[in-house]
């Protein structure tokens, strides 16, 4: 399995796989909203377009786990300033079910931590949601 930072073109080229991962993420983390059909047709496509835009403009960083051309999972981080600190926020971690429990998610998160250290971030923040 390979782990790497991807660019916006990679996300667009692998759009279908990213959309499937995002759908899974949404149903797992927002089951009540999913049941109420809050996400309409094209929701995942719009979110993946936003993700590619964040990567393109430099505000987002996406680490990917890939095996034989298959996107096994990804972690999305973004860098921002808060007061006088440079911070990186861990926004999302999505791993295909068949690749869970083999440290794919842990490896993706650790890449974010290493990136934060290398880029002189003062902290790594974790975004947590409650259904």
N, C-alpha and C. Protein backbone atom coordinates (compact mmCIF):
# COMPACT_ATOMS: atom_id res chain seq x y z
N UNK A 1 0.85 -1.18 0.00
CA UNK A 1 0.00 0.00 0.00
C UNK A 1 0.89 1.23 0.00
N UNK A 2 0.50 2.21 -0.81
CA UNK A 2 1.24 3.47 -0.88
C UNK A 2 0.48 4.57 -0.14
N UNK A 3 1.23 5.46 0.50
CA UNK A 3 0.66 6.62 1.19
C UNK A 3 1.33 7.86 0.63
N UNK A 4 0.54 8.88 0.31
CA UNK A 4 1.12 10.09 -0.28
C UNK A 4 0.16 11.27 -0.17
N UNK A 5 0.71 12.47 -0.35
CA UNK A 5 -0.10 13.67 -0.48
C UNK A 5 -0.56 13.74 -1.93
N UNK A 6 -1.83 13.97 -2.13
CA UNK A 6 -2.32 14.05 -3.51
C UNK A 6 -2.59 15.50 -3.90
N UNK A 7 -2.66 15.73 -5.20
CA UNK A 7 -3.02 17.06 -5.70
C UNK A 7 -4.48 17.04 -6.14
N UNK A 8 -4.98 18.20 -6.53
CA UNK A 8 -6.39 18.33 -6.92
C UNK A 8 -6.71 17.48 -8.14
N UNK A 9 -5.80 17.39 -9.08
CA UNK A 9 -6.05 16.59 -10.28
C UNK A 9 -6.24 15.11 -9.94
N UNK A 10 -5.50 14.62 -8.96
CA UNK A 10 -5.66 13.23 -8.53
C UNK A 10 -7.09 13.02 -8.00
N UNK A 11 -7.56 13.96 -7.18
CA UNK A 11 -8.92 13.85 -6.63
C UNK A 11 -9.95 13.83 -7.76
N UNK A 12 -9.81 14.73 -8.72
CA UNK A 12 -10.75 14.79 -9.84
C UNK A 12 -10.67 13.52 -10.68
N UNK A 13 -9.47 13.04 -10.94
CA UNK A 13 -9.30 11.82 -11.74
C UNK A 13 -9.87 10.58 -11.04
N UNK A 14 -9.87 10.58 -9.71
CA UNK A 14 -10.39 9.45 -8.94
C UNK A 14 -11.74 9.81 -8.29
N UNK A 15 -12.43 10.77 -8.90
CA UNK A 15 -13.66 11.33 -8.34
C UNK A 15 -14.64 10.26 -7.86
N UNK A 16 -14.93 9.26 -8.68
CA UNK A 16 -15.92 8.24 -8.33
C UNK A 16 -15.53 7.54 -7.02
N UNK A 17 -14.26 7.21 -6.87
CA UNK A 17 -13.81 6.55 -5.64
C UNK A 17 -13.92 7.48 -4.44
N UNK A 18 -13.56 8.76 -4.62
CA UNK A 18 -13.68 9.72 -3.53
C UNK A 18 -15.14 9.94 -3.15
N UNK A 19 -16.03 9.99 -4.14
CA UNK A 19 -17.46 10.16 -3.85
C UNK A 19 -18.00 8.97 -3.06
N UNK A 20 -17.61 7.76 -3.44
CA UNK A 20 -18.06 6.57 -2.71
C UNK A 20 -17.57 6.60 -1.27
N UNK A 21 -16.32 6.97 -1.09
CA UNK A 21 -15.78 7.08 0.28
C UNK A 21 -16.54 8.14 1.07
N UNK A 22 -16.82 9.27 0.42
CA UNK A 22 -17.52 10.35 1.12
C UNK A 22 -18.94 9.94 1.50
N UNK A 23 -19.61 9.22 0.59
CA UNK A 23 -20.96 8.72 0.91
C UNK A 23 -20.92 7.85 2.16
N UNK A 24 -19.94 6.94 2.21
CA UNK A 24 -19.79 6.06 3.37
C UNK A 24 -19.55 6.87 4.63
N UNK A 25 -18.66 7.85 4.54
CA UNK A 25 -18.36 8.75 5.67
C UNK A 25 -19.63 9.42 6.16
N UNK A 26 -20.41 9.96 5.24
CA UNK A 26 -21.63 10.68 5.61
C UNK A 26 -22.61 9.76 6.33
N UNK A 27 -22.84 8.57 5.80
CA UNK A 27 -23.80 7.64 6.41
C UNK A 27 -23.34 7.14 7.77
N UNK A 28 -22.03 6.99 7.96
CA UNK A 28 -21.51 6.53 9.25
C UNK A 28 -21.57 7.64 10.29
N UNK A 29 -21.16 8.85 9.92
CA UNK A 29 -21.04 9.93 10.89
C UNK A 29 -22.29 10.79 11.05
N UNK A 30 -23.18 10.73 10.10
CA UNK A 30 -24.40 11.54 10.16
C UNK A 30 -25.62 10.68 9.84
N UNK A 31 -25.83 9.59 10.58
CA UNK A 31 -26.91 8.66 10.23
C UNK A 31 -28.30 9.28 10.29
N UNK A 32 -28.53 10.17 11.21
CA UNK A 32 -29.85 10.80 11.32
C UNK A 32 -30.12 11.67 10.10
N UNK A 33 -29.13 12.45 9.70
CA UNK A 33 -29.28 13.28 8.51
C UNK A 33 -29.42 12.41 7.26
N UNK A 34 -28.68 11.30 7.23
CA UNK A 34 -28.76 10.39 6.08
C UNK A 34 -30.16 9.80 5.97
N UNK A 35 -30.74 9.40 7.11
CA UNK A 35 -32.10 8.84 7.11
C UNK A 35 -33.12 9.85 6.62
N UNK A 36 -32.91 11.11 6.98
CA UNK A 36 -33.84 12.17 6.57
C UNK A 36 -33.57 12.66 5.15
N UNK A 37 -32.60 12.03 4.50
CA UNK A 37 -32.24 12.37 3.11
C UNK A 37 -31.84 13.85 2.98
N UNK A 38 -31.11 14.35 3.98
CA UNK A 38 -30.63 15.73 3.95
C UNK A 38 -29.69 15.95 2.77
N UNK A 39 -28.88 14.93 2.50
CA UNK A 39 -27.97 15.07 1.36
C UNK A 39 -28.74 14.72 0.09
N UNK A 40 -28.82 15.65 -0.80
CA UNK A 40 -29.56 15.45 -2.04
C UNK A 40 -28.69 14.86 -3.13
N UNK A 41 -29.28 14.69 -4.27
CA UNK A 41 -28.56 14.20 -5.44
C UNK A 41 -27.39 15.13 -5.74
N UNK A 42 -26.24 14.58 -5.95
CA UNK A 42 -25.07 15.38 -6.28
C UNK A 42 -24.31 15.92 -5.08
N UNK A 43 -24.76 15.60 -3.86
CA UNK A 43 -24.11 16.12 -2.65
C UNK A 43 -22.64 15.73 -2.58
N UNK A 44 -22.34 14.45 -2.79
CA UNK A 44 -20.95 13.99 -2.70
C UNK A 44 -20.09 14.64 -3.77
N UNK A 45 -20.63 14.79 -4.97
CA UNK A 45 -19.89 15.43 -6.06
C UNK A 45 -19.51 16.85 -5.65
N UNK A 46 -20.45 17.59 -5.08
CA UNK A 46 -20.17 18.96 -4.64
C UNK A 46 -19.08 18.98 -3.56
N UNK A 47 -19.16 18.05 -2.61
CA UNK A 47 -18.18 18.01 -1.53
C UNK A 47 -16.79 17.65 -2.05
N UNK A 48 -16.72 16.75 -3.02
CA UNK A 48 -15.43 16.37 -3.59
C UNK A 48 -14.88 17.52 -4.42
N UNK A 49 -15.74 18.26 -5.12
CA UNK A 49 -15.29 19.46 -5.84
C UNK A 49 -14.71 20.47 -4.86
N UNK A 50 -15.36 20.65 -3.71
CA UNK A 50 -14.84 21.57 -2.68
C UNK A 50 -13.48 21.09 -2.18
N UNK A 51 -13.38 19.78 -1.92
CA UNK A 51 -12.12 19.21 -1.44
C UNK A 51 -11.00 19.47 -2.44
N UNK A 52 -11.25 19.22 -3.71
CA UNK A 52 -10.25 19.47 -4.75
C UNK A 52 -9.89 20.95 -4.79
N UNK A 53 -10.88 21.81 -4.60
CA UNK A 53 -10.63 23.26 -4.57
C UNK A 53 -9.74 23.67 -3.41
N UNK A 54 -9.97 23.09 -2.24
CA UNK A 54 -9.13 23.39 -1.07
C UNK A 54 -7.68 22.98 -1.32
N UNK A 55 -7.52 21.82 -1.94
CA UNK A 55 -6.17 21.35 -2.25
C UNK A 55 -5.53 22.26 -3.30
N UNK A 56 -6.31 22.62 -4.30
CA UNK A 56 -5.80 23.48 -5.38
C UNK A 56 -5.36 24.85 -4.85
N UNK A 57 -6.15 25.43 -3.93
CA UNK A 57 -5.79 26.77 -3.44
C UNK A 57 -4.80 26.75 -2.28
N UNK A 58 -4.41 25.55 -1.86
CA UNK A 58 -3.39 25.42 -0.82
C UNK A 58 -3.91 25.43 0.60
N UNK A 59 -5.23 25.55 0.78
CA UNK A 59 -5.76 25.57 2.14
C UNK A 59 -6.04 24.16 2.68
N UNK A 60 -6.07 23.17 1.80
CA UNK A 60 -6.32 21.80 2.22
C UNK A 60 -5.18 20.88 1.83
N UNK A 61 -5.00 19.86 2.62
CA UNK A 61 -3.99 18.83 2.36
C UNK A 61 -4.72 17.50 2.45
N UNK A 62 -4.53 16.64 1.46
CA UNK A 62 -5.16 15.33 1.47
C UNK A 62 -4.09 14.26 1.33
N UNK A 63 -4.06 13.37 2.31
CA UNK A 63 -3.17 12.21 2.27
C UNK A 63 -4.01 11.02 1.83
N UNK A 64 -3.47 10.22 0.94
CA UNK A 64 -4.20 9.10 0.36
C UNK A 64 -3.47 7.79 0.65
N UNK A 65 -4.26 6.75 0.89
CA UNK A 65 -3.76 5.38 0.92
C UNK A 65 -4.29 4.73 -0.35
N UNK A 66 -3.38 4.16 -1.15
CA UNK A 66 -3.78 3.57 -2.43
C UNK A 66 -3.12 2.21 -2.59
N UNK A 67 -3.88 1.29 -3.15
CA UNK A 67 -3.33 -0.03 -3.45
C UNK A 67 -3.85 -0.47 -4.82
N UNK A 68 -2.92 -0.75 -5.73
CA UNK A 68 -3.26 -1.20 -7.08
C UNK A 68 -4.27 -0.28 -7.76
N UNK A 69 -4.09 1.03 -7.60
CA UNK A 69 -4.97 2.01 -8.24
C UNK A 69 -6.26 2.29 -7.50
N UNK A 70 -6.51 1.58 -6.41
CA UNK A 70 -7.72 1.77 -5.62
C UNK A 70 -7.44 2.72 -4.46
N UNK A 71 -8.28 3.74 -4.31
CA UNK A 71 -8.18 4.63 -3.16
C UNK A 71 -8.77 3.89 -1.97
N UNK A 72 -7.91 3.52 -1.03
CA UNK A 72 -8.33 2.75 0.14
C UNK A 72 -8.84 3.65 1.25
N UNK A 73 -8.37 4.89 1.24
CA UNK A 73 -8.79 5.84 2.25
C UNK A 73 -8.06 7.16 2.07
N UNK A 74 -8.55 8.17 2.78
CA UNK A 74 -7.85 9.46 2.76
C UNK A 74 -8.10 10.23 4.05
N UNK A 75 -7.20 11.13 4.33
CA UNK A 75 -7.32 12.04 5.47
C UNK A 75 -7.21 13.46 4.93
N UNK A 76 -8.11 14.31 5.38
CA UNK A 76 -8.15 15.71 4.95
C UNK A 76 -7.77 16.60 6.14
N UNK A 77 -6.78 17.44 5.92
CA UNK A 77 -6.33 18.41 6.91
C UNK A 77 -6.38 19.79 6.28
N UNK A 78 -6.47 20.82 7.10
CA UNK A 78 -6.26 22.16 6.57
C UNK A 78 -5.44 22.97 7.55
N UNK A 79 -4.65 23.87 6.99
CA UNK A 79 -3.77 24.73 7.79
C UNK A 79 -4.41 26.11 7.90
N UNK A 80 -4.34 26.66 9.08
CA UNK A 80 -4.90 28.00 9.29
C UNK A 80 -4.19 28.68 10.45
N UNK A 81 -4.38 29.96 10.55
CA UNK A 81 -3.85 30.75 11.67
C UNK A 81 -4.95 30.93 12.70
N UNK A 82 -4.62 30.78 13.95
CA UNK A 82 -5.54 31.09 15.04
C UNK A 82 -4.75 31.89 16.06
N UNK A 83 -5.19 33.12 16.27
CA UNK A 83 -4.44 34.07 17.07
C UNK A 83 -3.05 34.17 16.44
N UNK A 84 -2.01 33.84 17.18
CA UNK A 84 -0.66 33.93 16.60
C UNK A 84 -0.05 32.56 16.33
N UNK A 85 -0.90 31.54 16.22
CA UNK A 85 -0.41 30.19 16.03
C UNK A 85 -0.77 29.64 14.66
N UNK A 86 0.16 28.90 14.08
CA UNK A 86 -0.09 28.15 12.85
C UNK A 86 -0.61 26.78 13.27
N UNK A 87 -1.81 26.44 12.82
CA UNK A 87 -2.43 25.19 13.23
C UNK A 87 -2.80 24.35 12.03
N UNK A 88 -2.83 23.05 12.24
CA UNK A 88 -3.35 22.14 11.23
C UNK A 88 -4.53 21.41 11.87
N UNK A 89 -5.66 21.41 11.19
CA UNK A 89 -6.86 20.77 11.71
C UNK A 89 -7.13 19.48 10.93
N UNK A 90 -7.32 18.44 11.69
CA UNK A 90 -7.65 17.12 11.15
C UNK A 90 -9.15 17.12 10.89
N UNK A 91 -9.53 17.25 9.63
CA UNK A 91 -10.92 17.46 9.25
C UNK A 91 -11.69 16.15 9.05
N UNK A 92 -11.09 15.20 8.36
CA UNK A 92 -11.81 13.96 8.06
C UNK A 92 -10.84 12.81 7.83
N UNK A 93 -11.27 11.64 8.23
CA UNK A 93 -10.53 10.40 7.98
C UNK A 93 -11.54 9.39 7.46
N UNK A 94 -11.30 8.91 6.25
CA UNK A 94 -12.24 7.98 5.63
C UNK A 94 -11.45 6.80 5.08
N UNK A 95 -11.79 5.60 5.54
CA UNK A 95 -11.11 4.38 5.09
C UNK A 95 -12.18 3.38 4.67
N UNK A 96 -12.00 2.78 3.49
CA UNK A 96 -12.94 1.75 3.04
C UNK A 96 -13.01 0.64 4.06
N UNK A 97 -14.19 0.10 4.23
CA UNK A 97 -14.41 -0.90 5.26
C UNK A 97 -13.43 -2.07 5.18
N UNK A 98 -13.14 -2.56 3.98
CA UNK A 98 -12.26 -3.73 3.88
C UNK A 98 -10.81 -3.42 4.25
N UNK A 99 -10.46 -2.13 4.41
CA UNK A 99 -9.10 -1.76 4.80
C UNK A 99 -9.03 -1.24 6.24
N UNK A 100 -10.13 -1.35 6.96
CA UNK A 100 -10.12 -0.92 8.36
C UNK A 100 -9.48 -1.98 9.24
N UNK A 101 -8.99 -1.55 10.37
CA UNK A 101 -8.38 -2.41 11.38
C UNK A 101 -7.03 -2.99 10.95
N UNK A 102 -6.40 -2.33 9.97
CA UNK A 102 -5.03 -2.74 9.59
C UNK A 102 -4.11 -1.51 9.59
N UNK A 103 -4.47 -0.50 10.36
CA UNK A 103 -3.66 0.70 10.60
C UNK A 103 -3.57 1.66 9.41
N UNK A 104 -4.50 1.56 8.46
CA UNK A 104 -4.50 2.53 7.36
C UNK A 104 -4.82 3.91 7.90
N UNK A 105 -5.88 4.02 8.70
CA UNK A 105 -6.26 5.31 9.27
C UNK A 105 -5.17 5.89 10.15
N UNK A 106 -4.57 5.05 10.97
CA UNK A 106 -3.47 5.49 11.83
C UNK A 106 -2.33 6.04 11.00
N UNK A 107 -1.98 5.35 9.93
CA UNK A 107 -0.88 5.80 9.06
C UNK A 107 -1.21 7.14 8.41
N UNK A 108 -2.45 7.31 7.96
CA UNK A 108 -2.86 8.58 7.34
C UNK A 108 -2.78 9.72 8.35
N UNK A 109 -3.27 9.48 9.56
CA UNK A 109 -3.21 10.50 10.60
C UNK A 109 -1.76 10.86 10.93
N UNK A 110 -0.91 9.85 11.07
CA UNK A 110 0.49 10.10 11.39
C UNK A 110 1.20 10.90 10.30
N UNK A 111 0.81 10.71 9.04
CA UNK A 111 1.37 11.54 7.97
C UNK A 111 1.01 13.01 8.20
N UNK A 112 -0.21 13.24 8.65
CA UNK A 112 -0.62 14.62 8.98
C UNK A 112 0.19 15.20 10.11
N UNK A 113 0.45 14.41 11.13
CA UNK A 113 1.28 14.88 12.25
C UNK A 113 2.70 15.22 11.77
N UNK A 114 3.28 14.35 10.96
CA UNK A 114 4.63 14.60 10.44
C UNK A 114 4.65 15.85 9.56
N UNK A 115 3.61 16.02 8.77
CA UNK A 115 3.50 17.22 7.93
C UNK A 115 3.45 18.47 8.81
N UNK A 116 2.69 18.41 9.90
CA UNK A 116 2.57 19.54 10.82
C UNK A 116 3.92 19.90 11.42
N UNK A 117 4.67 18.91 11.84
CA UNK A 117 5.99 19.15 12.42
C UNK A 117 6.93 19.76 11.38
N UNK A 118 6.96 19.14 10.20
CA UNK A 118 7.84 19.62 9.12
C UNK A 118 7.51 21.05 8.70
N UNK A 119 6.23 21.43 8.80
CA UNK A 119 5.79 22.75 8.38
C UNK A 119 5.60 23.71 9.54
N UNK A 120 6.23 23.40 10.68
CA UNK A 120 6.28 24.29 11.84
C UNK A 120 4.91 24.71 12.36
N UNK A 121 3.97 23.78 12.38
CA UNK A 121 2.67 24.07 12.98
C UNK A 121 2.80 24.01 14.49
N UNK A 122 2.04 24.87 15.17
CA UNK A 122 2.09 24.91 16.63
C UNK A 122 1.21 23.85 17.27
N UNK A 123 0.18 23.39 16.54
CA UNK A 123 -0.69 22.37 17.10
C UNK A 123 -1.42 21.62 16.00
N UNK A 124 -1.92 20.44 16.38
CA UNK A 124 -2.79 19.67 15.52
C UNK A 124 -4.15 19.65 16.22
N UNK A 125 -5.17 20.18 15.54
CA UNK A 125 -6.51 20.21 16.10
C UNK A 125 -7.33 19.08 15.53
N UNK A 126 -8.29 18.59 16.29
CA UNK A 126 -9.16 17.52 15.85
C UNK A 126 -10.59 18.05 15.83
N UNK A 127 -11.25 17.93 14.68
CA UNK A 127 -12.64 18.32 14.56
C UNK A 127 -13.50 17.13 14.95
N UNK A 128 -14.41 17.32 15.90
CA UNK A 128 -15.29 16.25 16.37
C UNK A 128 -16.73 16.71 16.19
N UNK A 129 -17.57 15.82 15.67
CA UNK A 129 -18.99 16.14 15.53
C UNK A 129 -19.81 15.18 16.37
N UNK A 130 -20.97 15.65 16.77
CA UNK A 130 -21.91 14.82 17.53
C UNK A 130 -23.20 14.78 16.72
N UNK A 131 -23.73 13.60 16.53
CA UNK A 131 -24.96 13.48 15.72
C UNK A 131 -26.10 14.16 16.42
